[in-house]
Protein backbone atom coordinates (compact mmCIF):
# COMPACT_ATOMS: atom_id res chain seq x y z
CA UNK A 1 -3.22 -12.40 -8.53
CA UNK A 2 -2.53 -8.78 -9.24
CA UNK A 3 0.26 -7.01 -7.32
CA UNK A 4 0.10 -3.30 -6.60
CA UNK A 5 3.22 -1.50 -5.36
CA UNK A 6 2.65 2.00 -4.02
CA UNK A 7 5.66 4.02 -2.64
CA UNK A 8 6.12 7.53 -1.38
CA UNK A 9 8.47 10.01 0.31
CA UNK A 10 6.94 11.05 3.70
CA UNK A 11 7.56 14.12 5.56
CA UNK A 12 6.84 11.95 8.77
CA UNK A 13 9.43 10.91 10.93
CA UNK A 14 10.05 7.02 10.64
CA UNK A 15 8.09 6.51 14.03
CA UNK A 16 5.44 8.55 12.79
CA UNK A 17 5.23 6.44 9.59
CA UNK A 18 5.01 3.32 11.47
CA UNK A 19 2.34 4.45 14.00
CA UNK A 20 0.13 5.48 11.09
CA UNK A 21 0.54 2.29 9.61
CA UNK A 22 -0.44 0.47 12.71
CA UNK A 23 -3.34 2.84 13.20
CA UNK A 24 -4.80 1.98 9.91
CA UNK A 25 -4.17 -1.75 9.89
CA UNK A 26 -7.82 -2.69 10.81
CA UNK A 27 -8.80 -0.61 7.78
CA UNK A 28 -6.96 -2.77 5.56
CA UNK A 29 -7.66 -6.06 7.39
CA UNK A 30 -11.22 -5.40 6.21
CA UNK A 31 -10.61 -5.00 2.84
CA UNK A 32 -12.64 -7.59 0.37
CA UNK A 33 -10.05 -9.30 -1.60
CA UNK A 34 -6.90 -8.33 -0.18
CA UNK A 35 -4.65 -11.35 0.14
CA UNK A 36 -1.75 -9.65 2.03
CA UNK A 37 -0.24 -6.19 2.46
CA UNK A 38 3.51 -6.14 2.86
CA UNK A 39 4.62 -2.50 4.51
CA UNK A 40 7.94 -1.44 3.20
CA UNK A 41 10.82 1.00 4.12
CA UNK A 42 13.13 1.96 1.11
CA UNK A 43 17.11 2.38 1.01
CA UNK A 44 16.41 6.28 0.61
CA UNK A 45 15.65 8.33 3.88
CA UNK A 46 11.95 8.76 4.58
CA UNK A 47 10.78 6.48 1.50
CA UNK A 48 8.06 3.98 2.40
CA UNK A 49 5.36 1.96 0.72
CA UNK A 50 3.03 -0.91 0.55
CA UNK A 51 3.07 -3.98 -1.67
CA UNK A 52 -0.65 -5.17 -1.83
CA UNK A 53 -1.56 -8.91 -3.23
CA UNK A 54 -5.04 -9.05 -4.51
CA UNK A 55 -7.29 -11.81 -5.64
CA UNK A 56 -8.52 -9.87 -8.55
CA UNK A 57 -8.42 -6.77 -10.67
CA UNK A 58 -12.15 -6.19 -9.42
CA UNK A 59 -10.98 -6.13 -5.93
CA UNK A 60 -8.04 -3.88 -6.86
CA UNK A 61 -10.08 -1.44 -8.70
CA UNK A 62 -12.79 -1.28 -5.82
CA UNK A 63 -9.71 -0.30 -3.41
CA UNK A 64 -8.52 2.36 -5.73
CA UNK A 65 -11.85 4.23 -5.86
CA UNK A 66 -12.15 3.91 -2.01
CA UNK A 67 -11.60 6.65 0.46
CA UNK A 68 -9.05 4.63 2.23
CA UNK A 69 -6.88 4.43 -0.86
CA UNK A 70 -7.18 8.20 -1.60
CA UNK A 71 -6.32 8.92 1.89
CA UNK A 72 -2.67 7.71 1.56
CA UNK A 73 -1.09 11.05 0.53
CA UNK A 74 -2.81 12.93 3.62
CA UNK A 75 -2.14 10.15 6.10
CA UNK A 76 1.31 9.73 5.43
CA UNK A 77 1.83 13.31 4.47
CA UNK A 78 3.84 12.39 1.30
CA UNK A 79 6.24 14.45 -0.40
CA UNK A 80 4.65 14.48 -3.98
CA UNK A 81 2.37 11.94 -5.31
CA UNK A 82 2.72 8.47 -4.51
CA UNK A 83 4.52 5.82 -7.15
CA UNK A 84 1.86 3.34 -8.16
CA UNK A 85 2.81 0.26 -10.22
CA UNK A 86 0.51 -2.53 -11.06
CA UNK A 87 1.61 -6.11 -11.89
CA UNK A 88 -0.18 -9.25 -12.54
CA UNK A 89 1.49 -12.47 -10.94
CA UNK A 90 2.66 -14.96 -13.79
CA UNK A 91 3.26 -17.94 -11.22
CA UNK A 92 4.07 -18.39 -7.72
CA UNK A 93 7.46 -19.68 -6.56
CA UNK A 94 5.06 -21.73 -3.67
CA UNK A 95 1.71 -22.92 -4.19
């Protein structure tokens, strides 16, 4: 499993961020290889993100090249570029 963590600061209100996330849900639900996505809220004001769990590096790479991935800054009106971290799962707590 591959884990991608994307965080950003948004110029939108919290309600607007949540509305954008809900509006985009169907697009993410259709992504091949996306096992799970967690929508997250940071401890600093206006900081949000997503934790994505992918079945493979190939699925992640296909997503990163997609228009959907590239649309994140505009959709959420990010302040500066998002922070992107990629991790490889070593082993799960629960199977």
